[in-house]
């Protein structure tokens, strides 16, 4: 599974793809739930922040991560057209 995650990460090097970001975000979030490694939580937060800022629905991210995501996107939420994202940070 780690090899596949590295390959997916390679797809994000030139341009963020929200679908790939969502998959990798969940991968890191679930791995964090099992291993409690802060690096996985940080990766999930970064990926889901970019996912939300790309206009994707907030319902697709882990509920437990929403408070951290609100802080991460608060300065950039005005650029989003996703109403639920604006509700998250307001």
PDB file of N, CA and C in Angstrom:
ATOM      1  N   UNK A   1       0.814  -1.192   0.000  1.00  0.00           N
ATOM      2  CA  UNK A   1       0.000   0.000   0.000  1.00  0.00           C
ATOM      3  C   UNK A   1       0.862   1.263   0.000  1.00  0.00           C
ATOM      4  N   UNK A   2       1.995   1.201   0.664  1.00  0.00           N
ATOM      5  CA  UNK A   2       2.852   2.398   0.693  1.00  0.00           C
ATOM      6  C   UNK A   2       3.400   2.729  -0.679  1.00  0.00           C
ATOM      7  N   UNK A   3       3.699   1.717  -1.471  1.00  0.00           N
ATOM      8  CA  UNK A   3       4.178   1.975  -2.836  1.00  0.00           C
ATOM      9  C   UNK A   3       3.114   2.715  -3.638  1.00  0.00           C
ATOM     10  N   UNK A   4       1.868   2.278  -3.512  1.00  0.00           N
ATOM     11  CA  UNK A   4       0.772   2.927  -4.227  1.00  0.00           C
ATOM     12  C   UNK A   4       0.589   4.366  -3.755  1.00  0.00           C
ATOM     13  N   UNK A   5       0.737   4.589  -2.455  1.00  0.00           N
ATOM     14  CA  UNK A   5       0.609   5.944  -1.919  1.00  0.00           C
ATOM     15  C   UNK A   5       1.713   6.845  -2.477  1.00  0.00           C
ATOM     16  N   UNK A   6       2.924   6.323  -2.585  1.00  0.00           N
ATOM     17  CA  UNK A   6       4.018   7.110  -3.169  1.00  0.00           C
ATOM     18  C   UNK A   6       3.736   7.431  -4.638  1.00  0.00           C
ATOM     19  N   UNK A   7       3.186   6.463  -5.359  1.00  0.00           N
ATOM     20  CA  UNK A   7       2.856   6.703  -6.768  1.00  0.00           C
ATOM     21  C   UNK A   7       1.771   7.777  -6.900  1.00  0.00           C
ATOM     22  N   UNK A   8       0.761   7.709  -6.041  1.00  0.00           N
ATOM     23  CA  UNK A   8      -0.287   8.729  -6.068  1.00  0.00           C
ATOM     24  C   UNK A   8       0.274  10.101  -5.701  1.00  0.00           C
ATOM     25  N   UNK A   9       1.168  10.148  -4.738  1.00  0.00           N
ATOM     26  CA  UNK A   9       1.789  11.409  -4.352  1.00  0.00           C
ATOM     27  C   UNK A   9       2.538  12.005  -5.534  1.00  0.00           C
ATOM     28  N   UNK A  10       3.171  11.163  -6.326  1.00  0.00           N
ATOM     29  CA  UNK A  10       3.877  11.635  -7.511  1.00  0.00           C
ATOM     30  C   UNK A  10       2.956  12.325  -8.504  1.00  0.00           C
ATOM     31  N   UNK A  11       1.690  11.907  -8.531  1.00  0.00           N
ATOM     32  CA  UNK A  11       0.726  12.538  -9.432  1.00  0.00           C
ATOM     33  C   UNK A  11       0.404  13.976  -9.022  1.00  0.00           C
ATOM     34  N   UNK A  12       0.657  14.310  -7.772  1.00  0.00           N
ATOM     35  CA  UNK A  12       0.336  15.652  -7.270  1.00  0.00           C
ATOM     36  C   UNK A  12       1.494  16.632  -7.402  1.00  0.00           C
ATOM     37  N   UNK A  13       2.629  16.185  -7.859  1.00  0.00           N
ATOM     38  CA  UNK A  13       3.816  17.050  -7.905  1.00  0.00           C
ATOM     39  C   UNK A  13       3.631  18.269  -8.796  1.00  0.00           C
ATOM     40  N   UNK A  14       3.005  18.104  -9.950  1.00  0.00           N
ATOM     41  CA  UNK A  14       2.870  19.215 -10.892  1.00  0.00           C
ATOM     42  C   UNK A  14       1.560  19.975 -10.752  1.00  0.00           C
ATOM     43  N   UNK A  15       0.512  19.270 -10.352  1.00  0.00           N
ATOM     44  CA  UNK A  15      -0.809  19.898 -10.262  1.00  0.00           C
ATOM     45  C   UNK A  15      -1.648  19.111  -9.276  1.00  0.00           C
ATOM     46  N   UNK A  16      -2.369  19.828  -8.404  1.00  0.00           N
ATOM     47  CA  UNK A  16      -3.212  19.146  -7.425  1.00  0.00           C
ATOM     48  C   UNK A  16      -4.450  18.590  -8.104  1.00  0.00           C
ATOM     49  N   UNK A  17      -4.677  17.313  -7.920  1.00  0.00           N
ATOM     50  CA  UNK A  17      -5.868  16.637  -8.412  1.00  0.00           C
ATOM     51  C   UNK A  17      -6.722  16.317  -7.184  1.00  0.00           C
ATOM     52  N   UNK A  18      -7.904  16.923  -7.055  1.00  0.00           N
ATOM     53  CA  UNK A  18      -8.718  16.718  -5.861  1.00  0.00           C
ATOM     54  C   UNK A  18      -9.069  15.261  -5.578  1.00  0.00           C
ATOM     55  N   UNK A  19      -9.292  14.467  -6.613  1.00  0.00           N
ATOM     56  CA  UNK A  19      -9.629  13.061  -6.389  1.00  0.00           C
ATOM     57  C   UNK A  19      -8.442  12.303  -5.788  1.00  0.00           C
ATOM     58  N   UNK A  20      -7.267  12.551  -6.304  1.00  0.00           N
ATOM     59  CA  UNK A  20      -6.068  11.916  -5.763  1.00  0.00           C
ATOM     60  C   UNK A  20      -5.809  12.445  -4.353  1.00  0.00           C
ATOM     61  N   UNK A  21      -5.994  13.746  -4.153  1.00  0.00           N
ATOM     62  CA  UNK A  21      -5.802  14.341  -2.834  1.00  0.00           C
ATOM     63  C   UNK A  21      -6.739  13.754  -1.803  1.00  0.00           C
ATOM     64  N   UNK A  22      -7.981  13.508  -2.198  1.00  0.00           N
ATOM     65  CA  UNK A  22      -8.944  12.909  -1.272  1.00  0.00           C
ATOM     66  C   UNK A  22      -8.521  11.485  -0.880  1.00  0.00           C
ATOM     67  N   UNK A  23      -8.119  10.703  -1.863  1.00  0.00           N
ATOM     68  CA  UNK A  23      -7.686   9.326  -1.585  1.00  0.00           C
ATOM     69  C   UNK A  23      -6.482   9.326  -0.649  1.00  0.00           C
ATOM     70  N   UNK A  24      -5.491  10.151  -0.977  1.00  0.00           N
ATOM     71  CA  UNK A  24      -4.297  10.199  -0.127  1.00  0.00           C
ATOM     72  C   UNK A  24      -4.606  10.775   1.250  1.00  0.00           C
ATOM     73  N   UNK A  25      -5.502  11.753   1.302  1.00  0.00           N
ATOM     74  CA  UNK A  25      -5.895  12.311   2.589  1.00  0.00           C
ATOM     75  C   UNK A  25      -6.494  11.248   3.495  1.00  0.00           C
ATOM     76  N   UNK A  26      -7.397  10.449   2.939  1.00  0.00           N
ATOM     77  CA  UNK A  26      -7.987   9.365   3.725  1.00  0.00           C
ATOM     78  C   UNK A  26      -6.944   8.312   4.106  1.00  0.00           C
ATOM     79  N   UNK A  27      -6.049   8.020   3.187  1.00  0.00           N
ATOM     80  CA  UNK A  27      -4.984   7.052   3.485  1.00  0.00           C
ATOM     81  C   UNK A  27      -4.188   7.504   4.705  1.00  0.00           C
ATOM     82  N   UNK A  28      -3.753   8.763   4.694  1.00  0.00           N
ATOM     83  CA  UNK A  28      -2.947   9.258   5.812  1.00  0.00           C
ATOM     84  C   UNK A  28      -3.775   9.389   7.093  1.00  0.00           C
ATOM     85  N   UNK A  29      -5.027   9.789   6.959  1.00  0.00           N
ATOM     86  CA  UNK A  29      -5.869   9.944   8.148  1.00  0.00           C
ATOM     87  C   UNK A  29      -6.119   8.586   8.815  1.00  0.00           C
ATOM     88  N   UNK A  30      -6.426   7.578   8.013  1.00  0.00           N
ATOM     89  CA  UNK A  30      -6.664   6.252   8.584  1.00  0.00           C
ATOM     90  C   UNK A  30      -5.379   5.641   9.136  1.00  0.00           C
ATOM     91  N   UNK A  31      -4.271   5.888   8.486  1.00  0.00           N
ATOM     92  CA  UNK A  31      -2.993   5.398   9.005  1.00  0.00           C
ATOM     93  C   UNK A  31      -2.654   6.086  10.319  1.00  0.00           C
ATOM     94  N   UNK A  32      -2.964   7.386  10.411  1.00  0.00           N
ATOM     95  CA  UNK A  32      -2.758   8.104  11.668  1.00  0.00           C
ATOM     96  C   UNK A  32      -3.620   7.497  12.779  1.00  0.00           C
ATOM     97  N   UNK A  33      -4.849   7.122  12.454  1.00  0.00           N
ATOM     98  CA  UNK A  33      -5.739   6.528  13.455  1.00  0.00           C
ATOM     99  C   UNK A  33      -5.168   5.233  14.025  1.00  0.00           C
ATOM    100  N   UNK A  34      -4.397   4.518  13.224  1.00  0.00           N
ATOM    101  CA  UNK A  34      -3.823   3.241  13.657  1.00  0.00           C
ATOM    102  C   UNK A  34      -2.461   3.428  14.315  1.00  0.00           C
ATOM    103  N   UNK A  35      -1.623   4.292  13.743  1.00  0.00           N
ATOM    104  CA  UNK A  35      -0.235   4.406  14.212  1.00  0.00           C
ATOM    105  C   UNK A  35       0.017   5.599  15.124  1.00  0.00           C
ATOM    106  N   UNK A  36      -0.879   6.594  15.074  1.00  0.00           N
ATOM    107  CA  UNK A  36      -0.732   7.823  15.873  1.00  0.00           C
ATOM    108  C   UNK A  36       0.527   8.610  15.496  1.00  0.00           C
ATOM    109  N   UNK A  37       0.966   8.464  14.250  1.00  0.00           N
ATOM    110  CA  UNK A  37       2.133   9.215  13.775  1.00  0.00           C
ATOM    111  C   UNK A  37       1.725  10.621  13.375  1.00  0.00           C
ATOM    112  N   UNK A  38       2.313  11.636  13.997  1.00  0.00           N
ATOM    113  CA  UNK A  38       1.963  13.013  13.658  1.00  0.00           C
ATOM    114  C   UNK A  38       2.184  13.350  12.183  1.00  0.00           C
ATOM    115  N   UNK A  39       3.162  12.733  11.552  1.00  0.00           N
ATOM    116  CA  UNK A  39       3.419  13.037  10.138  1.00  0.00           C
ATOM    117  C   UNK A  39       2.229  12.651   9.264  1.00  0.00           C
ATOM    118  N   UNK A  40       1.510  11.597   9.623  1.00  0.00           N
ATOM    119  CA  UNK A  40       0.324  11.220   8.862  1.00  0.00           C
ATOM    120  C   UNK A  40      -0.818  12.206   9.098  1.00  0.00           C
ATOM    121  N   UNK A  41      -0.972  12.669  10.323  1.00  0.00           N
ATOM    122  CA  UNK A  41      -1.999  13.684  10.602  1.00  0.00           C
ATOM    123  C   UNK A  41      -1.695  14.963   9.837  1.00  0.00           C
ATOM    124  N   UNK A  42      -0.436  15.366   9.805  1.00  0.00           N
ATOM    125  CA  UNK A  42      -0.035  16.573   9.074  1.00  0.00           C
ATOM    126  C   UNK A  42      -0.289  16.420   7.576  1.00  0.00           C
ATOM    127  N   UNK A  43       0.036  15.248   7.040  1.00  0.00           N
ATOM    128  CA  UNK A  43      -0.185  15.007   5.611  1.00  0.00           C
ATOM    129  C   UNK A  43      -1.677  15.046   5.283  1.00  0.00           C
ATOM    130  N   UNK A  44      -2.490  14.414   6.127  1.00  0.00           N
ATOM    131  CA  UNK A  44      -3.937  14.430   5.910  1.00  0.00           C
ATOM    132  C   UNK A  44      -4.471  15.857   5.961  1.00  0.00           C
ATOM    133  N   UNK A  45      -4.022  16.630   6.920  1.00  0.00           N
ATOM    134  CA  UNK A  45      -4.463  18.017   7.039  1.00  0.00           C
ATOM    135  C   UNK A  45      -4.099  18.817   5.791  1.00  0.00           C
ATOM    136  N   UNK A  46      -2.885  18.669   5.308  1.00  0.00           N
ATOM    137  CA  UNK A  46      -2.455  19.394   4.103  1.00  0.00           C
ATOM    138  C   UNK A  46      -3.263  18.983   2.881  1.00  0.00           C
ATOM    139  N   UNK A  47      -3.456  17.684   2.717  1.00  0.00           N
ATOM    140  CA  UNK A  47      -4.189  17.193   1.553  1.00  0.00           C
ATOM    141  C   UNK A  47      -5.656  17.610   1.583  1.00  0.00           C
ATOM    142  N   UNK A  48      -6.289  17.499   2.743  1.00  0.00           N
ATOM    143  CA  UNK A  48      -7.695  17.881   2.818  1.00  0.00           C
ATOM    144  C   UNK A  48      -7.873  19.397   2.753  1.00  0.00           C
ATOM    145  N   UNK A  49      -6.896  20.160   3.189  1.00  0.00           N
ATOM    146  CA  UNK A  49      -6.967  21.616   3.027  1.00  0.00           C
ATOM    147  C   UNK A  49      -6.993  21.963   1.543  1.00  0.00           C
ATOM    148  N   UNK A  50      -6.069  21.396   0.781  1.00  0.00           N
ATOM    149  CA  UNK A  50      -6.035  21.645  -0.664  1.00  0.00           C
ATOM    150  C   UNK A  50      -7.306  21.128  -1.328  1.00  0.00           C
ATOM    151  N   UNK A  51      -7.807  20.001  -0.863  1.00  0.00           N
ATOM    152  CA  UNK A  51      -9.038  19.418  -1.387  1.00  0.00           C
ATOM    153  C   UNK A  51     -10.202  20.394  -1.216  1.00  0.00           C
ATOM    154  N   UNK A  52     -10.346  20.940  -0.021  1.00  0.00           N
ATOM    155  CA  UNK A  52     -11.439  21.876   0.240  1.00  0.00           C
ATOM    156  C   UNK A  52     -11.268  23.174  -0.539  1.00  0.00           C
ATOM    157  N   UNK A  53     -10.047  23.656  -0.606  1.00  0.00           N
ATOM    158  CA  UNK A  53      -9.804  24.909  -1.323  1.00  0.00           C
ATOM    159  C   UNK A  53     -10.010  24.761  -2.826  1.00  0.00           C
ATOM    160  N   UNK A  54     -10.019  23.525  -3.309  1.00  0.00           N
ATOM    161  CA  UNK A  54     -10.295  23.306  -4.726  1.00  0.00           C
ATOM    162  C   UNK A  54     -11.800  23.288  -5.000  1.00  0.00           C
ATOM    163  N   UNK A  55     -12.587  23.507  -3.956  1.00  0.00           N
ATOM    164  CA  UNK A  55     -14.035  23.585  -4.124  1.00  0.00           C
ATOM    165  C   UNK A  55     -14.784  22.294  -3.888  1.00  0.00           C
ATOM    166  N   UNK A  56     -14.104  21.300  -3.358  1.00  0.00           N
ATOM    167  CA  UNK A  56     -14.755  20.017  -3.115  1.00  0.00           C
ATOM    168  C   UNK A  56     -15.560  20.058  -1.816  1.00  0.00           C
ATOM    169  N   UNK A  57     -16.557  19.161  -1.672  1.00  0.00           N
ATOM    170  CA  UNK A  57     -17.471  19.229  -0.527  1.00  0.00           C
ATOM    171  C   UNK A  57     -16.827  18.837   0.799  1.00  0.00           C
ATOM    172  N   UNK A  58     -17.159  19.615   1.805  1.00  0.00           N
ATOM    173  CA  UNK A  58     -16.637  19.389   3.145  1.00  0.00           C
ATOM    174  C   UNK A  58     -17.133  18.060   3.716  1.00  0.00           C
ATOM    175  N   UNK A  59     -18.236  17.558   3.202  1.00  0.00           N
ATOM    176  CA  UNK A  59     -18.781  16.279   3.673  1.00  0.00           C
ATOM    177  C   UNK A  59     -17.863  15.105   3.350  1.00  0.00           C
ATOM    178  N   UNK A  60     -16.903  15.299   2.463  1.00  0.00           N
ATOM    179  CA  UNK A  60     -16.005  14.216   2.061  1.00  0.00           C
ATOM    180  C   UNK A  60     -14.759  14.101   2.921  1.00  0.00           C
ATOM    181  N   UNK A  61     -14.644  14.900   3.959  1.00  0.00           N
ATOM    182  CA  UNK A  61     -13.458  14.853   4.815  1.00  0.00           C
ATOM    183  C   UNK A  61     -13.840  14.278   6.177  1.00  0.00           C
ATOM    184  N   UNK A  62     -12.877  13.736   6.904  1.00  0.00           N
ATOM    185  CA  UNK A  62     -13.172  13.146   8.216  1.00  0.00           C
ATOM    186  C   UNK A  62     -13.709  14.199   9.195  1.00  0.00           C
ATOM    187  N   UNK A  63     -14.786  13.857   9.871  1.00  0.00           N
ATOM    188  CA  UNK A  63     -15.381  14.781  10.840  1.00  0.00           C
ATOM    189  C   UNK A  63     -14.395  15.207  11.921  1.00  0.00           C
ATOM    190  N   UNK A  64     -13.573  14.277  12.375  1.00  0.00           N
ATOM    191  CA  UNK A  64     -12.623  14.583  13.445  1.00  0.00           C
ATOM    192  C   UNK A  64     -11.568  15.592  13.019  1.00  0.00           C
ATOM    193  N   UNK A  65     -11.380  15.758  11.736  1.00  0.00           N
ATOM    194  CA  UNK A  65     -10.368  16.674  11.221  1.00  0.00           C
ATOM    195  C   UNK A  65     -10.918  18.078  10.980  1.00  0.00           C
ATOM    196  N   UNK A  66     -12.238  18.233  11.004  1.00  0.00           N
ATOM    197  CA  UNK A  66     -12.863  19.516  10.674  1.00  0.00           C
ATOM    198  C   UNK A  66     -12.380  20.691  11.536  1.00  0.00           C
ATOM    199  N   UNK A  67     -12.240  20.556  12.853  1.00  0.00           N
ATOM    200  CA  UNK A  67     -11.750  21.707  13.616  1.00  0.00           C
ATOM    201  C   UNK A  67     -10.367  22.180  13.170  1.00  0.00           C
ATOM    202  N   UNK A  68      -9.481  21.253  12.858  1.00  0.00           N
ATOM    203  CA  UNK A  68      -8.147  21.623  12.382  1.00  0.00           C
ATOM    204  C   UNK A  68      -8.202  22.216  10.984  1.00  0.00           C
ATOM    205  N   UNK A  69      -9.085  21.686  10.157  1.00  0.00           N
ATOM    206  CA  UNK A  69      -9.227  22.205   8.803  1.00  0.00           C
ATOM    207  C   UNK A  69      -9.774  23.622   8.803  1.00  0.00           C
ATOM    208  N   UNK A  70     -10.655  23.914   9.744  1.00  0.00           N
ATOM    209  CA  UNK A  70     -11.215  25.269   9.816  1.00  0.00           C
ATOM    210  C   UNK A  70     -10.106  26.292  10.000  1.00  0.00           C
ATOM    211  N   UNK A  71      -9.162  25.997  10.864  1.00  0.00           N
ATOM    212  CA  UNK A  71      -8.039  26.902  11.068  1.00  0.00           C
ATOM    213  C   UNK A  71      -7.129  26.972   9.862  1.00  0.00           C
ATOM    214  N   UNK A  72      -6.936  25.843   9.207  1.00  0.00           N
ATOM    215  CA  UNK A  72      -6.014  25.790   8.070  1.00  0.00           C
ATOM    216  C   UNK A  72      -6.545  26.547   6.862  1.00  0.00           C
ATOM    217  N   UNK A  73      -7.847  26.553   6.670  1.00  0.00           N
ATOM    218  CA  UNK A  73      -8.402  27.195   5.478  1.00  0.00           C
ATOM    219  C   UNK A  73      -8.984  28.582   5.747  1.00  0.00           C
ATOM    220  N   UNK A  74      -9.020  29.014   6.999  1.00  0.00           N
ATOM    221  CA  UNK A  74      -9.719  30.254   7.333  1.00  0.00           C
ATOM    222  C   UNK A  74      -9.195  31.460   6.564  1.00  0.00           C
ATOM    223  N   UNK A  75      -7.909  31.538   6.333  1.00  0.00           N
ATOM    224  CA  UNK A  75      -7.361  32.677   5.617  1.00  0.00           C
ATOM    225  C   UNK A  75      -7.573  32.616   4.120  1.00  0.00           C
ATOM    226  N   UNK A  76      -7.975  31.456   3.610  1.00  0.00           N
ATOM    227  CA  UNK A  76      -8.100  31.279   2.171  1.00  0.00           C
ATOM    228  C   UNK A  76      -9.512  30.917   1.737  1.00  0.00           C
ATOM    229  N   UNK A  77     -10.444  30.825   2.664  1.00  0.00           N
ATOM    230  CA  UNK A  77     -11.788  30.348   2.341  1.00  0.00           C
ATOM    231  C   UNK A  77     -12.541  31.290   1.424  1.00  0.00           C
ATOM    232  N   UNK A  78     -12.206  32.558   1.413  1.00  0.00           N
ATOM    233  CA  UNK A  78     -12.902  33.498   0.551  1.00  0.00           C
ATOM    234  C   UNK A  78     -12.763  33.163  -0.918  1.00  0.00           C
ATOM    235  N   UNK A  79     -11.732  32.447  -1.280  1.00  0.00           N
ATOM    236  CA  UNK A  79     -11.511  32.077  -2.681  1.00  0.00           C
ATOM    237  C   UNK A  79     -12.359  30.879  -3.085  1.00  0.00           C
ATOM    238  N   UNK A  80     -12.963  30.212  -2.120  1.00  0.00           N
ATOM    239  CA  UNK A  80     -13.740  29.017  -2.419  1.00  0.00           C
ATOM    240  C   UNK A  80     -15.181  29.368  -2.759  1.00  0.00           C
ATOM    241  N   UNK A  81     -15.789  28.537  -3.591  1.00  0.00           N
ATOM    242  CA  UNK A  81     -17.199  28.688  -3.906  1.00  0.00           C
ATOM    243  C   UNK A  81     -18.043  27.668  -3.164  1.00  0.00           C
ATOM    244  N   UNK A  82     -17.444  26.897  -2.306  1.00  0.00           N
ATOM    245  CA  UNK A  82     -18.152  25.855  -1.556  1.00  0.00           C
ATOM    246  C   UNK A  82     -18.789  26.472  -0.307  1.00  0.00           C
ATOM    247  N   UNK A  83     -20.130  26.624  -0.265  1.00  0.00           N
ATOM    248  CA  UNK A  83     -20.779  27.249   0.889  1.00  0.00           C
ATOM    249  C   UNK A  83     -20.495  26.537   2.207  1.00  0.00           C
ATOM    250  N   UNK A  84     -20.436  25.213   2.199  1.00  0.00           N
ATOM    251  CA  UNK A  84     -20.178  24.473   3.441  1.00  0.00           C
ATOM    252  C   UNK A  84     -18.789  24.794   3.984  1.00  0.00           C
ATOM    253  N   UNK A  85     -17.832  25.080   3.107  1.00  0.00           N
ATOM    254  CA  UNK A  85     -16.497  25.454   3.555  1.00  0.00           C
ATOM    255  C   UNK A  85     -16.539  26.801   4.265  1.00  0.00           C
ATOM    256  N   UNK A  86     -17.293  27.729   3.707  1.00  0.00           N
ATOM    257  CA  UNK A  86     -17.420  29.020   4.361  1.00  0.00           C
ATOM    258  C   UNK A  86     -18.122  28.875   5.706  1.00  0.00           C
ATOM    259  N   UNK A  87     -19.125  28.016   5.798  1.00  0.00           N
ATOM    260  CA  UNK A  87     -19.797  27.762   7.073  1.00  0.00           C
ATOM    261  C   UNK A  87     -18.836  27.154   8.087  1.00  0.00           C
ATOM    262  N   UNK A  88     -17.939  26.314   7.622  1.00  0.00           N
ATOM    263  CA  UNK A  88     -16.973  25.659   8.493  1.00  0.00           C
ATOM    264  C   UNK A  88     -16.080  26.653   9.197  1.00  0.00           C
ATOM    265  N   UNK A  89     -15.677  27.701   8.516  1.00  0.00           N
ATOM    266  CA  UNK A  89     -14.712  28.637   9.092  1.00  0.00           C
ATOM    267  C   UNK A  89     -15.365  29.869   9.717  1.00  0.00           C
ATOM    268  N   UNK A  90     -16.643  30.055   9.508  1.00  0.00           N
ATOM    269  CA  UNK A  90     -17.311  31.226  10.077  1.00  0.00           C
ATOM    270  C   UNK A  90     -17.928  30.920  11.416  1.00  0.00           C
TER     271      UNK A  90
END
